[in-house]
N, C-alpha and C. Protein backbone atom coordinates (compact mmCIF):
# COMPACT_ATOMS: atom_id res chain seq x y z
N MET A 1 0.84 -1.21 0.00
CA MET A 1 0.00 0.00 0.00
C MET A 1 0.86 1.23 0.00
N THR A 2 1.87 1.20 0.77
CA THR A 2 2.78 2.35 0.84
C THR A 2 3.45 2.57 -0.47
N ASN A 3 3.84 1.48 -1.14
CA ASN A 3 4.51 1.60 -2.44
C ASN A 3 3.58 2.21 -3.48
N VAL A 4 2.29 1.83 -3.43
CA VAL A 4 1.33 2.38 -4.41
C VAL A 4 1.16 3.85 -4.22
N LEU A 5 1.07 4.30 -3.00
CA LEU A 5 0.93 5.73 -2.75
C LEU A 5 2.16 6.49 -3.18
N LEU A 6 3.32 5.86 -2.94
CA LEU A 6 4.56 6.54 -3.33
C LEU A 6 4.65 6.71 -4.82
N ARG A 7 4.25 5.61 -5.55
CA ARG A 7 4.30 5.70 -7.03
C ARG A 7 3.31 6.73 -7.57
N THR A 8 2.15 6.77 -6.94
CA THR A 8 1.14 7.74 -7.39
C THR A 8 1.63 9.16 -7.17
N GLY A 9 2.28 9.42 -6.07
CA GLY A 9 2.81 10.78 -5.81
C GLY A 9 3.89 11.17 -6.78
N ILE A 10 4.75 10.16 -7.15
CA ILE A 10 5.84 10.47 -8.10
C ILE A 10 5.27 10.82 -9.46
N VAL A 11 4.23 10.02 -9.89
CA VAL A 11 3.61 10.27 -11.21
C VAL A 11 2.95 11.63 -11.24
N ALA A 12 2.22 11.98 -10.17
CA ALA A 12 1.54 13.29 -10.13
C ALA A 12 2.54 14.43 -10.13
N GLY A 13 3.62 14.25 -9.41
CA GLY A 13 4.64 15.32 -9.41
C GLY A 13 5.27 15.49 -10.76
N ALA A 14 5.51 14.35 -11.44
CA ALA A 14 6.10 14.45 -12.79
C ALA A 14 5.18 15.16 -13.75
N LEU A 15 3.87 14.84 -13.62
CA LEU A 15 2.90 15.51 -14.50
C LEU A 15 2.86 17.00 -14.24
N CYS A 16 2.94 17.43 -13.01
CA CYS A 16 2.93 18.87 -12.69
C CYS A 16 4.15 19.57 -13.24
N VAL A 17 5.30 18.94 -13.10
CA VAL A 17 6.55 19.53 -13.63
C VAL A 17 6.48 19.66 -15.13
N SER A 18 5.95 18.61 -15.81
CA SER A 18 5.86 18.65 -17.28
C SER A 18 4.93 19.77 -17.74
N ALA A 19 3.82 19.93 -17.02
CA ALA A 19 2.87 20.99 -17.40
C ALA A 19 3.48 22.37 -17.23
N SER A 20 4.20 22.58 -16.18
CA SER A 20 4.81 23.89 -15.96
C SER A 20 5.87 24.19 -16.99
N ILE A 21 6.65 23.18 -17.39
CA ILE A 21 7.69 23.39 -18.42
C ILE A 21 7.05 23.72 -19.76
N ALA A 22 5.99 22.99 -20.10
CA ALA A 22 5.31 23.25 -21.38
C ALA A 22 4.72 24.64 -21.43
N GLY A 23 4.16 25.09 -20.30
CA GLY A 23 3.61 26.45 -20.27
C GLY A 23 4.67 27.50 -20.42
N ALA A 24 5.82 27.28 -19.84
CA ALA A 24 6.90 28.27 -19.95
C ALA A 24 7.46 28.33 -21.34
N GLN A 25 7.56 27.21 -22.04
CA GLN A 25 8.16 27.19 -23.38
C GLN A 25 7.17 27.58 -24.47
N GLY A 26 5.93 27.25 -24.31
CA GLY A 26 4.95 27.48 -25.40
C GLY A 26 4.55 28.92 -25.52
N GLY A 27 4.33 29.67 -24.45
CA GLY A 27 3.87 31.07 -24.50
C GLY A 27 2.55 31.15 -25.22
N THR A 28 2.36 32.25 -25.98
CA THR A 28 1.13 32.45 -26.75
C THR A 28 1.21 31.71 -28.06
N PRO A 29 0.10 31.38 -28.68
CA PRO A 29 0.12 30.67 -29.97
C PRO A 29 0.72 31.55 -31.07
N ASP A 30 1.23 30.88 -32.12
CA ASP A 30 1.86 31.60 -33.23
C ASP A 30 0.87 32.54 -33.90
N SER A 31 -0.37 32.13 -34.07
CA SER A 31 -1.36 32.98 -34.74
C SER A 31 -1.58 34.26 -33.97
N THR A 32 -1.54 34.20 -32.63
CA THR A 32 -1.73 35.39 -31.84
C THR A 32 -0.52 36.29 -31.90
N ARG A 33 0.66 35.74 -31.93
CA ARG A 33 1.86 36.55 -31.95
C ARG A 33 2.08 37.20 -33.32
N ARG A 34 1.65 36.60 -34.39
CA ARG A 34 1.91 37.12 -35.73
C ARG A 34 0.89 38.18 -36.16
N ALA A 35 -0.26 38.22 -35.63
CA ALA A 35 -1.31 39.17 -36.05
C ALA A 35 -1.15 40.47 -35.29
N PRO A 36 -0.73 41.57 -35.94
CA PRO A 36 -0.60 42.86 -35.23
C PRO A 36 -1.96 43.41 -34.90
N SER A 37 -2.03 44.16 -33.85
CA SER A 37 -3.29 44.75 -33.41
C SER A 37 -3.64 45.95 -34.28
N SER A 38 -4.91 46.34 -34.23
CA SER A 38 -5.38 47.50 -35.00
C SER A 38 -4.73 48.78 -34.51
N GLY A 39 -4.42 48.83 -33.23
CA GLY A 39 -3.76 50.02 -32.69
C GLY A 39 -2.38 50.22 -33.26
N SER A 40 -1.61 49.13 -33.43
CA SER A 40 -0.27 49.26 -34.01
C SER A 40 -0.35 49.67 -35.46
N ASN A 41 -1.37 49.15 -36.20
CA ASN A 41 -1.55 49.57 -37.59
C ASN A 41 -1.82 51.06 -37.69
N ALA A 42 -2.63 51.57 -36.80
CA ALA A 42 -2.95 53.01 -36.81
C ALA A 42 -1.72 53.83 -36.53
N LEU A 43 -0.86 53.34 -35.60
CA LEU A 43 0.36 54.10 -35.30
C LEU A 43 1.31 54.10 -36.48
N LEU A 44 1.38 52.96 -37.20
CA LEU A 44 2.26 52.89 -38.36
C LEU A 44 1.74 53.75 -39.51
N ALA A 45 0.42 53.83 -39.69
CA ALA A 45 -0.16 54.58 -40.80
C ALA A 45 -0.23 56.06 -40.52
N GLY A 46 -0.12 56.44 -39.26
CA GLY A 46 -0.28 57.84 -38.89
C GLY A 46 0.69 58.77 -39.57
N PRO A 47 2.01 58.57 -39.50
CA PRO A 47 2.96 59.49 -40.14
C PRO A 47 2.78 59.58 -41.64
N THR A 48 2.43 58.43 -42.31
CA THR A 48 2.24 58.46 -43.77
C THR A 48 1.06 59.34 -44.14
N ALA A 49 -0.03 59.21 -43.36
CA ALA A 49 -1.20 60.03 -43.65
C ALA A 49 -0.91 61.51 -43.44
N GLN A 50 -0.08 61.84 -42.49
CA GLN A 50 0.25 63.23 -42.23
C GLN A 50 1.11 63.82 -43.35
N THR A 51 2.03 63.03 -43.90
CA THR A 51 2.89 63.54 -44.96
C THR A 51 2.12 63.78 -46.25
N ASP A 52 0.96 63.10 -46.45
CA ASP A 52 0.16 63.28 -47.67
C ASP A 52 -0.76 64.49 -47.59
N THR A 53 -0.83 65.16 -46.48
CA THR A 53 -1.72 66.32 -46.34
C THR A 53 -1.18 67.49 -47.14
N PRO A 54 -1.97 68.09 -48.08
CA PRO A 54 -1.47 69.22 -48.88
C PRO A 54 -1.21 70.46 -48.03
N VAL A 55 -0.18 71.20 -48.44
CA VAL A 55 0.16 72.44 -47.75
C VAL A 55 -0.53 73.60 -48.45
N VAL A 56 -1.32 74.34 -47.74
CA VAL A 56 -2.08 75.46 -48.28
C VAL A 56 -1.33 76.76 -47.96
N ARG A 57 -0.98 77.51 -49.01
CA ARG A 57 -0.28 78.77 -48.83
C ARG A 57 -1.28 79.91 -48.72
N ARG A 58 -1.08 80.77 -47.80
CA ARG A 58 -1.96 81.93 -47.67
C ARG A 58 -1.60 82.99 -48.71
N PRO A 59 -2.59 83.59 -49.36
CA PRO A 59 -2.28 84.66 -50.34
C PRO A 59 -1.63 85.86 -49.66
N ARG A 60 -0.62 86.41 -50.33
CA ARG A 60 0.08 87.56 -49.76
C ARG A 60 -0.70 88.83 -50.04
N ALA A 61 -0.84 89.64 -49.04
CA ALA A 61 -1.59 90.90 -49.18
C ALA A 61 -0.80 91.89 -50.04
N ILE A 62 -1.51 92.59 -50.94
CA ILE A 62 -0.90 93.60 -51.81
C ILE A 62 -1.28 94.96 -51.28
N GLU A 63 -0.29 95.76 -50.98
CA GLU A 63 -0.54 97.11 -50.46
C GLU A 63 -0.17 98.14 -51.52
N TYR A 64 -1.03 99.15 -51.69
CA TYR A 64 -0.79 100.22 -52.64
C TYR A 64 -0.51 101.51 -51.88
N SER A 65 0.39 102.29 -52.43
CA SER A 65 0.79 103.53 -51.78
C SER A 65 -0.22 104.64 -52.06
N ASP A 66 -0.10 105.73 -51.33
CA ASP A 66 -0.94 106.89 -51.58
C ASP A 66 -0.67 107.48 -52.96
N SER A 67 0.57 107.39 -53.42
CA SER A 67 0.91 107.90 -54.76
C SER A 67 0.17 107.11 -55.83
N TYR A 68 0.05 105.82 -55.62
CA TYR A 68 -0.69 104.99 -56.58
C TYR A 68 -2.14 105.45 -56.67
N ASN A 69 -2.76 105.68 -55.53
CA ASN A 69 -4.16 106.12 -55.53
C ASN A 69 -4.33 107.51 -56.13
N THR A 70 -3.33 108.38 -55.93
CA THR A 70 -3.39 109.71 -56.54
C THR A 70 -3.30 109.62 -58.05
N ARG A 71 -2.37 108.80 -58.54
CA ARG A 71 -2.25 108.62 -60.00
C ARG A 71 -3.51 107.97 -60.57
N LEU A 72 -4.10 107.04 -59.82
CA LEU A 72 -5.32 106.40 -60.30
C LEU A 72 -6.46 107.40 -60.41
N THR A 73 -6.57 108.32 -59.45
CA THR A 73 -7.61 109.36 -59.51
C THR A 73 -7.42 110.27 -60.72
N ILE A 74 -6.17 110.71 -60.94
CA ILE A 74 -5.87 111.55 -62.10
C ILE A 74 -6.21 110.81 -63.40
N HIS A 75 -5.82 109.54 -63.46
CA HIS A 75 -6.07 108.74 -64.66
C HIS A 75 -7.57 108.57 -64.91
N ARG A 76 -8.32 108.36 -63.84
CA ARG A 76 -9.76 108.14 -63.98
C ARG A 76 -10.46 109.41 -64.48
N TYR A 77 -10.14 110.56 -63.90
CA TYR A 77 -10.79 111.80 -64.35
C TYR A 77 -10.33 112.18 -65.75
N GLY A 78 -9.10 111.83 -66.08
CA GLY A 78 -8.64 112.07 -67.44
C GLY A 78 -9.43 111.26 -68.46
N SER A 79 -9.77 110.02 -68.09
CA SER A 79 -10.58 109.20 -69.00
C SER A 79 -11.99 109.75 -69.15
N TYR A 80 -12.52 110.36 -68.09
CA TYR A 80 -13.83 111.00 -68.21
C TYR A 80 -13.79 112.20 -69.15
N ALA A 81 -12.68 112.94 -69.12
CA ALA A 81 -12.56 114.14 -69.95
C ALA A 81 -12.34 113.80 -71.43
N MET A 82 -11.98 112.56 -71.74
CA MET A 82 -11.73 112.20 -73.13
C MET A 82 -12.98 112.33 -73.98
N ILE A 83 -14.12 111.92 -73.45
CA ILE A 83 -15.33 111.84 -74.26
C ILE A 83 -15.74 113.20 -74.84
N PRO A 84 -15.88 114.25 -74.01
CA PRO A 84 -16.24 115.55 -74.61
C PRO A 84 -15.19 116.08 -75.58
N LEU A 85 -13.91 115.82 -75.31
CA LEU A 85 -12.86 116.25 -76.24
C LEU A 85 -12.99 115.51 -77.57
N PHE A 86 -13.28 114.23 -77.52
CA PHE A 86 -13.45 113.46 -78.75
C PHE A 86 -14.64 113.98 -79.56
N VAL A 87 -15.73 114.26 -78.89
CA VAL A 87 -16.92 114.76 -79.59
C VAL A 87 -16.62 116.10 -80.25
N ALA A 88 -15.96 116.99 -79.51
CA ALA A 88 -15.63 118.31 -80.07
C ALA A 88 -14.67 118.19 -81.25
N GLU A 89 -13.67 117.34 -81.11
CA GLU A 89 -12.68 117.20 -82.18
C GLU A 89 -13.32 116.62 -83.45
N TYR A 90 -14.15 115.60 -83.28
CA TYR A 90 -14.80 114.99 -84.44
C TYR A 90 -15.74 115.99 -85.12
N SER A 91 -16.49 116.74 -84.33
CA SER A 91 -17.43 117.72 -84.91
C SER A 91 -16.69 118.81 -85.68
N LEU A 92 -15.63 119.33 -85.10
CA LEU A 92 -14.86 120.38 -85.78
C LEU A 92 -14.23 119.84 -87.06
N GLY A 93 -13.69 118.62 -86.98
CA GLY A 93 -13.05 118.04 -88.16
C GLY A 93 -14.03 117.82 -89.30
N GLN A 94 -15.21 117.31 -88.98
CA GLN A 94 -16.22 117.09 -90.02
C GLN A 94 -16.67 118.40 -90.66
N ASN A 95 -16.83 119.44 -89.84
CA ASN A 95 -17.22 120.74 -90.40
C ASN A 95 -16.13 121.31 -91.30
N LEU A 96 -14.88 121.13 -90.91
CA LEU A 96 -13.79 121.62 -91.76
C LEU A 96 -13.76 120.88 -93.09
N MET A 97 -14.11 119.60 -93.10
CA MET A 97 -14.08 118.83 -94.33
C MET A 97 -15.30 119.10 -95.21
N ASN A 98 -16.46 119.30 -94.61
CA ASN A 98 -17.70 119.36 -95.38
C ASN A 98 -18.12 120.78 -95.77
N ASP A 99 -17.75 121.76 -94.94
CA ASP A 99 -18.16 123.14 -95.24
C ASP A 99 -17.28 123.71 -96.35
N ALA A 100 -17.93 124.34 -97.31
CA ALA A 100 -17.16 124.96 -98.39
C ALA A 100 -16.36 126.16 -97.88
N SER A 101 -16.94 126.92 -96.96
CA SER A 101 -16.21 128.05 -96.38
C SER A 101 -16.43 128.03 -94.86
N PRO A 102 -15.65 127.21 -94.12
CA PRO A 102 -15.83 127.14 -92.66
C PRO A 102 -15.44 128.44 -91.99
N ALA A 103 -15.94 128.65 -90.81
CA ALA A 103 -15.62 129.88 -90.06
C ALA A 103 -14.13 129.93 -89.76
N SER A 104 -13.64 131.16 -89.66
CA SER A 104 -12.20 131.35 -89.47
C SER A 104 -11.69 130.78 -88.14
N TRP A 105 -12.55 130.70 -87.13
CA TRP A 105 -12.13 130.22 -85.82
C TRP A 105 -12.11 128.69 -85.72
N MET A 106 -12.71 128.03 -86.74
CA MET A 106 -12.91 126.60 -86.62
C MET A 106 -11.61 125.81 -86.71
N LYS A 107 -10.74 126.21 -87.62
CA LYS A 107 -9.49 125.47 -87.77
C LYS A 107 -8.58 125.65 -86.55
N PRO A 108 -8.40 126.89 -86.04
CA PRO A 108 -7.60 127.02 -84.80
C PRO A 108 -8.21 126.25 -83.63
N ALA A 109 -9.55 126.27 -83.54
CA ALA A 109 -10.20 125.53 -82.45
C ALA A 109 -9.94 124.03 -82.58
N HIS A 110 -9.96 123.55 -83.81
CA HIS A 110 -9.66 122.14 -84.05
C HIS A 110 -8.24 121.80 -83.58
N GLY A 111 -7.32 122.70 -83.84
CA GLY A 111 -5.94 122.48 -83.39
C GLY A 111 -5.80 122.53 -81.88
N VAL A 112 -6.54 123.45 -81.23
CA VAL A 112 -6.47 123.55 -79.76
C VAL A 112 -7.03 122.29 -79.10
N VAL A 113 -8.16 121.81 -79.61
CA VAL A 113 -8.74 120.60 -79.04
C VAL A 113 -7.81 119.40 -79.28
N ALA A 114 -7.20 119.36 -80.46
CA ALA A 114 -6.25 118.27 -80.74
C ALA A 114 -5.07 118.31 -79.76
N ALA A 115 -4.59 119.53 -79.46
CA ALA A 115 -3.50 119.66 -78.49
C ALA A 115 -3.96 119.19 -77.10
N GLY A 116 -5.23 119.51 -76.74
CA GLY A 116 -5.77 119.05 -75.46
C GLY A 116 -5.83 117.53 -75.39
N VAL A 117 -6.22 116.89 -76.50
CA VAL A 117 -6.25 115.43 -76.54
C VAL A 117 -4.83 114.88 -76.36
N GLY A 118 -3.85 115.53 -77.00
CA GLY A 118 -2.47 115.06 -76.87
C GLY A 118 -1.95 115.16 -75.44
N VAL A 119 -2.24 116.29 -74.78
CA VAL A 119 -1.81 116.46 -73.39
C VAL A 119 -2.49 115.45 -72.48
N LEU A 120 -3.79 115.27 -72.70
CA LEU A 120 -4.54 114.33 -71.88
C LEU A 120 -4.00 112.91 -72.03
N PHE A 121 -3.71 112.51 -73.26
CA PHE A 121 -3.19 111.17 -73.47
C PHE A 121 -1.78 111.03 -72.91
N GLY A 122 -1.00 112.10 -72.94
CA GLY A 122 0.32 112.03 -72.33
C GLY A 122 0.23 111.79 -70.83
N VAL A 123 -0.66 112.53 -70.16
CA VAL A 123 -0.83 112.36 -68.71
C VAL A 123 -1.36 110.97 -68.39
N ASN A 124 -2.36 110.53 -69.13
CA ASN A 124 -2.94 109.22 -68.85
C ASN A 124 -1.98 108.08 -69.18
N THR A 125 -1.13 108.28 -70.16
CA THR A 125 -0.14 107.24 -70.47
C THR A 125 0.87 107.12 -69.34
N ILE A 126 1.35 108.25 -68.82
CA ILE A 126 2.34 108.20 -67.74
C ILE A 126 1.73 107.58 -66.48
N THR A 127 0.56 108.06 -66.07
CA THR A 127 -0.06 107.53 -64.86
C THR A 127 -0.47 106.07 -65.03
N GLY A 128 -0.96 105.72 -66.21
CA GLY A 128 -1.41 104.34 -66.44
C GLY A 128 -0.26 103.35 -66.44
N VAL A 129 0.81 103.67 -67.16
CA VAL A 129 1.96 102.75 -67.21
C VAL A 129 2.62 102.65 -65.84
N TRP A 130 2.72 103.74 -65.13
CA TRP A 130 3.32 103.75 -63.80
C TRP A 130 2.52 102.84 -62.85
N ASN A 131 1.21 102.99 -62.85
CA ASN A 131 0.38 102.16 -61.98
C ASN A 131 0.34 100.70 -62.44
N LEU A 132 0.45 100.48 -63.74
CA LEU A 132 0.52 99.10 -64.23
C LEU A 132 1.76 98.41 -63.68
N TRP A 133 2.88 99.11 -63.62
CA TRP A 133 4.10 98.54 -63.07
C TRP A 133 3.97 98.31 -61.56
N ASP A 134 3.37 99.25 -60.86
CA ASP A 134 3.21 99.10 -59.41
C ASP A 134 2.28 97.95 -59.05
N SER A 135 1.34 97.62 -59.92
CA SER A 135 0.37 96.56 -59.63
C SER A 135 0.76 95.22 -60.25
N ARG A 136 2.00 95.08 -60.68
CA ARG A 136 2.42 93.87 -61.39
C ARG A 136 2.33 92.61 -60.53
N GLN A 137 2.43 92.75 -59.19
CA GLN A 137 2.37 91.60 -58.31
C GLN A 137 0.95 91.21 -57.91
N ASP A 138 -0.03 92.02 -58.29
CA ASP A 138 -1.42 91.78 -57.90
C ASP A 138 -2.11 90.96 -58.98
N PRO A 139 -2.51 89.71 -58.68
CA PRO A 139 -3.16 88.90 -59.72
C PRO A 139 -4.60 89.31 -59.99
N ALA A 140 -5.22 90.02 -59.07
CA ALA A 140 -6.63 90.41 -59.25
C ALA A 140 -6.75 91.46 -60.35
N GLY A 141 -7.51 91.16 -61.39
CA GLY A 141 -7.72 92.11 -62.48
C GLY A 141 -6.52 92.32 -63.38
N ARG A 142 -5.53 91.41 -63.34
CA ARG A 142 -4.32 91.62 -64.14
C ARG A 142 -4.63 91.60 -65.63
N THR A 143 -5.44 90.64 -66.08
CA THR A 143 -5.77 90.56 -67.51
C THR A 143 -6.46 91.83 -67.98
N ARG A 144 -7.39 92.33 -67.19
CA ARG A 144 -8.11 93.55 -67.56
C ARG A 144 -7.16 94.73 -67.68
N ARG A 145 -6.23 94.86 -66.74
CA ARG A 145 -5.27 95.98 -66.78
C ARG A 145 -4.37 95.90 -68.01
N ILE A 146 -3.91 94.70 -68.32
CA ILE A 146 -3.00 94.54 -69.46
C ILE A 146 -3.72 94.83 -70.77
N VAL A 147 -4.93 94.27 -70.93
CA VAL A 147 -5.69 94.52 -72.17
C VAL A 147 -5.97 96.01 -72.34
N HIS A 148 -6.37 96.66 -71.25
CA HIS A 148 -6.64 98.10 -71.30
C HIS A 148 -5.39 98.87 -71.68
N SER A 149 -4.26 98.53 -71.10
CA SER A 149 -3.02 99.26 -71.38
C SER A 149 -2.59 99.09 -72.83
N VAL A 150 -2.73 97.87 -73.37
CA VAL A 150 -2.35 97.64 -74.77
C VAL A 150 -3.25 98.46 -75.70
N MET A 151 -4.54 98.47 -75.43
CA MET A 151 -5.48 99.22 -76.28
C MET A 151 -5.17 100.72 -76.24
N MET A 152 -4.86 101.24 -75.07
CA MET A 152 -4.59 102.68 -74.96
C MET A 152 -3.26 103.05 -75.61
N LEU A 153 -2.26 102.17 -75.51
CA LEU A 153 -0.98 102.47 -76.15
C LEU A 153 -1.12 102.43 -77.68
N VAL A 154 -1.93 101.51 -78.18
CA VAL A 154 -2.17 101.48 -79.63
C VAL A 154 -2.91 102.74 -80.07
N SER A 155 -3.89 103.18 -79.28
CA SER A 155 -4.59 104.42 -79.63
C SER A 155 -3.66 105.62 -79.52
N ASP A 156 -2.70 105.59 -78.59
CA ASP A 156 -1.67 106.64 -78.54
C ASP A 156 -0.94 106.74 -79.88
N ALA A 157 -0.51 105.58 -80.37
CA ALA A 157 0.20 105.57 -81.66
C ALA A 157 -0.72 106.05 -82.78
N GLY A 158 -2.01 105.70 -82.70
CA GLY A 158 -2.95 106.15 -83.72
C GLY A 158 -3.13 107.65 -83.73
N PHE A 159 -3.21 108.26 -82.54
CA PHE A 159 -3.33 109.73 -82.48
C PHE A 159 -2.06 110.42 -82.97
N LEU A 160 -0.92 109.81 -82.69
CA LEU A 160 0.33 110.39 -83.21
C LEU A 160 0.33 110.36 -84.74
N ALA A 161 -0.10 109.23 -85.31
CA ALA A 161 -0.19 109.15 -86.77
C ALA A 161 -1.24 110.10 -87.32
N THR A 162 -2.32 110.32 -86.58
CA THR A 162 -3.36 111.27 -87.01
C THR A 162 -2.79 112.67 -87.13
N GLY A 163 -2.01 113.07 -86.13
CA GLY A 163 -1.41 114.41 -86.20
C GLY A 163 -0.41 114.54 -87.33
N MET A 164 0.35 113.47 -87.60
CA MET A 164 1.36 113.54 -88.66
C MET A 164 0.74 113.57 -90.05
N THR A 165 -0.48 113.05 -90.21
CA THR A 165 -1.13 113.05 -91.52
C THR A 165 -2.10 114.21 -91.70
N ALA A 166 -2.10 115.16 -90.78
CA ALA A 166 -3.01 116.30 -90.91
C ALA A 166 -2.74 117.05 -92.22
N PRO A 167 -3.79 117.36 -93.00
CA PRO A 167 -3.58 118.01 -94.29
C PRO A 167 -3.10 119.45 -94.16
N GLY A 168 -3.08 119.99 -92.97
CA GLY A 168 -2.60 121.35 -92.79
C GLY A 168 -1.13 121.51 -93.04
N HIS A 169 -0.37 120.39 -93.05
CA HIS A 169 1.06 120.47 -93.36
C HIS A 169 1.21 120.64 -94.88
N GLN A 170 1.19 121.88 -95.32
CA GLN A 170 1.16 122.16 -96.75
C GLN A 170 2.42 121.69 -97.46
N GLY A 171 3.49 121.53 -96.74
CA GLY A 171 4.72 121.10 -97.40
C GLY A 171 4.64 119.70 -97.95
N PHE A 172 3.67 118.89 -97.47
CA PHE A 172 3.55 117.51 -97.93
C PHE A 172 2.48 117.35 -98.99
N VAL A 173 1.79 118.42 -99.36
CA VAL A 173 0.68 118.33 -100.31
C VAL A 173 1.08 119.03 -101.60
N THR A 174 0.91 118.32 -102.71
CA THR A 174 1.29 118.88 -104.01
C THR A 174 0.09 119.17 -104.90
N SER A 175 -1.09 118.65 -104.55
CA SER A 175 -2.29 118.88 -105.36
C SER A 175 -3.52 118.82 -104.47
N PHE A 176 -4.66 119.30 -105.02
CA PHE A 176 -5.89 119.30 -104.26
C PHE A 176 -6.40 117.88 -104.00
N SER A 177 -6.22 117.00 -104.98
CA SER A 177 -6.64 115.61 -104.79
C SER A 177 -5.83 114.94 -103.68
N GLU A 178 -4.57 115.24 -103.63
CA GLU A 178 -3.74 114.69 -102.54
C GLU A 178 -4.17 115.27 -101.20
N TYR A 179 -4.55 116.56 -101.19
CA TYR A 179 -5.04 117.18 -99.97
C TYR A 179 -6.30 116.45 -99.47
N GLN A 180 -7.23 116.15 -100.40
CA GLN A 180 -8.44 115.43 -100.01
C GLN A 180 -8.12 114.02 -99.52
N HIS A 181 -7.15 113.39 -100.15
CA HIS A 181 -6.76 112.05 -99.71
C HIS A 181 -6.20 112.09 -98.28
N ARG A 182 -5.39 113.07 -98.00
CA ARG A 182 -4.82 113.20 -96.65
C ARG A 182 -5.92 113.53 -95.64
N GLU A 183 -6.91 114.29 -96.04
CA GLU A 183 -8.04 114.56 -95.15
C GLU A 183 -8.74 113.27 -94.75
N ARG A 184 -8.97 112.40 -95.74
CA ARG A 184 -9.67 111.13 -95.45
C ARG A 184 -8.82 110.23 -94.55
N VAL A 185 -7.53 110.15 -94.85
CA VAL A 185 -6.64 109.32 -94.02
C VAL A 185 -6.59 109.88 -92.60
N HIS A 186 -6.49 111.20 -92.51
CA HIS A 186 -6.46 111.86 -91.21
C HIS A 186 -7.74 111.56 -90.42
N ARG A 187 -8.88 111.67 -91.08
CA ARG A 187 -10.16 111.42 -90.41
C ARG A 187 -10.29 109.96 -90.00
N ASP A 188 -9.91 109.02 -90.89
CA ASP A 188 -10.03 107.59 -90.57
C ASP A 188 -9.14 107.19 -89.39
N LEU A 189 -7.94 107.73 -89.37
CA LEU A 189 -7.05 107.44 -88.24
C LEU A 189 -7.61 108.00 -86.94
N ALA A 190 -8.17 109.21 -87.02
CA ALA A 190 -8.74 109.83 -85.82
C ALA A 190 -9.93 109.01 -85.31
N ILE A 191 -10.82 108.59 -86.23
CA ILE A 191 -11.99 107.82 -85.82
C ILE A 191 -11.56 106.47 -85.22
N GLY A 192 -10.59 105.81 -85.85
CA GLY A 192 -10.11 104.54 -85.33
C GLY A 192 -9.49 104.68 -83.95
N SER A 193 -8.69 105.74 -83.76
CA SER A 193 -8.06 105.96 -82.46
C SER A 193 -9.08 106.32 -81.40
N ILE A 194 -10.06 107.15 -81.76
CA ILE A 194 -11.12 107.52 -80.82
C ILE A 194 -11.92 106.29 -80.41
N THR A 195 -12.27 105.44 -81.38
CA THR A 195 -13.05 104.24 -81.08
C THR A 195 -12.29 103.30 -80.16
N LEU A 196 -11.03 103.04 -80.48
CA LEU A 196 -10.23 102.13 -79.65
C LEU A 196 -10.04 102.68 -78.25
N SER A 197 -9.79 103.98 -78.15
CA SER A 197 -9.61 104.60 -76.84
C SER A 197 -10.89 104.55 -76.02
N THR A 198 -12.02 104.79 -76.66
CA THR A 198 -13.30 104.74 -75.95
C THR A 198 -13.59 103.33 -75.45
N LEU A 199 -13.31 102.34 -76.27
CA LEU A 199 -13.52 100.96 -75.84
C LEU A 199 -12.58 100.60 -74.69
N GLY A 200 -11.33 101.06 -74.78
CA GLY A 200 -10.38 100.78 -73.70
C GLY A 200 -10.76 101.43 -72.39
N GLY A 201 -11.28 102.66 -72.47
CA GLY A 201 -11.74 103.31 -71.25
C GLY A 201 -13.02 102.69 -70.72
N GLY A 202 -13.95 102.33 -71.63
CA GLY A 202 -15.21 101.75 -71.20
C GLY A 202 -15.05 100.41 -70.52
N MET A 203 -14.07 99.62 -70.96
CA MET A 203 -13.89 98.32 -70.35
C MET A 203 -13.45 98.45 -68.88
N MET A 204 -12.74 99.52 -68.55
CA MET A 204 -12.35 99.74 -67.16
C MET A 204 -13.53 100.26 -66.32
N TRP A 205 -14.49 100.90 -66.97
CA TRP A 205 -15.66 101.39 -66.23
C TRP A 205 -16.63 100.27 -65.92
N PHE A 206 -16.82 99.33 -66.87
CA PHE A 206 -17.87 98.33 -66.74
C PHE A 206 -17.36 96.92 -66.45
N TRP A 207 -16.10 96.62 -66.75
CA TRP A 207 -15.55 95.28 -66.48
C TRP A 207 -14.88 95.32 -65.11
N LYS A 208 -15.62 94.93 -64.09
CA LYS A 208 -15.12 94.94 -62.72
C LYS A 208 -14.87 93.51 -62.24
């Protein structure tokens, strides 16, 4: 009886030792150790998601000086004054061409108004080009400013050509037919320049 109890105790002790050794060596199952948790995936994906975020740049503010605003005011009122000068110049020119005996004051008046148009365009060209350069960094309305400036510079050249083809320069006229031809060229250039200038000014009034 004693021997049986002794053998039973030895077997039970051996079984306990074997179980403890197996538990220490086995640990967690392979499937559990190989499967990463959702939390670790989120930590790994976090930096990648942050690097893909687009960088938004804030627009830089454009500041204009008081001189710019002063030139703009002069330029704007000069464009308003163009219309009555154009009407007066066209009316005087047509009367000089169509009247058989125009009044003696009409031709000098035509020249004075033409000089006024020249001075006005000189002032508006200086103020306009100056402000165009100062606003070169401002993207707002850039296309409108450039188109307007090109149209006005072309009309500047047209008015210069109008003055150079005036039939009053008797040294360039050899016959009456040539005088009439120069009158028509002079008038057509003036009308074309007036039209282009009016369109260029109007686009700045209505294209906002």
